[in-house]
Amino acid sequence: MWVNVERFKRRRKRNEKRGEKVFHHAGEVWNGGRSASRLTASNYGERRE
């Protein structure tokens, strides 16, 4: 299931404000789970290797 990049970014911004990680799984699918997990890890101060 491929997510539209623009929609992904927009949703990401909203979720960051609320401190939620709803977009996280969509991001992993969207990016094959590679840079997406690194990206979310830096956003939320988590380590996901």
Protein backbone atom coordinates (compact mmCIF):
# COMPACT_ATOMS: atom_id res chain seq x y z
CA MET A 1 0.00 0.00 0.00
CA TRP A 2 1.76 3.11 -1.22
CA VAL A 3 1.08 6.38 0.52
CA ASN A 4 1.04 9.67 -1.29
CA VAL A 5 4.18 11.55 -0.24
CA GLU A 6 2.46 14.90 0.17
CA ARG A 7 -0.30 13.39 2.28
CA PHE A 8 2.35 11.58 4.32
CA LYS A 9 4.23 14.79 5.06
CA ARG A 10 1.08 16.71 5.93
CA ARG A 11 -0.16 14.00 8.27
CA ARG A 12 3.30 13.73 9.80
CA LYS A 13 3.33 17.42 10.69
CA ARG A 14 -0.09 17.18 12.35
CA ASN A 15 0.88 14.09 14.31
CA GLU A 16 4.11 15.63 15.52
CA LYS A 17 2.13 18.42 17.15
CA ARG A 18 -0.05 15.90 18.98
CA GLY A 19 2.98 13.75 19.75
CA GLU A 20 1.40 10.73 18.09
CA LYS A 21 3.00 8.09 15.93
CA VAL A 22 -0.03 7.20 13.84
CA PHE A 23 1.88 7.79 10.62
CA HIS A 24 4.71 5.53 11.70
CA HIS A 25 3.45 2.30 10.16
CA ALA A 26 2.37 4.03 6.97
CA GLY A 27 5.86 5.52 6.80
CA GLU A 28 7.50 2.13 7.08
CA VAL A 29 5.38 0.74 4.25
CA TRP A 30 5.90 3.92 2.23
CA ASN A 31 9.66 3.68 2.54
CA GLY A 32 10.23 -0.04 2.74
CA GLY A 33 10.78 0.41 6.47
CA ARG A 34 14.30 1.69 6.05
CA SER A 35 14.81 5.46 6.14
CA ALA A 36 11.29 5.79 7.53
CA SER A 37 12.24 4.15 10.81
CA ARG A 38 15.40 6.24 11.04
CA LEU A 39 13.36 9.34 10.29
CA THR A 40 10.75 8.64 12.94
CA ALA A 41 13.46 7.61 15.38
CA SER A 42 15.08 11.04 15.14
CA ASN A 43 11.71 12.77 15.42
CA TYR A 44 10.74 11.01 18.61
CA GLY A 45 14.19 10.49 20.09
CA GLU A 46 13.90 6.73 19.79
CA ARG A 47 16.34 4.15 18.52
CA ARG A 48 14.92 1.79 15.94
CA GLU A 49 17.54 -0.29 14.20
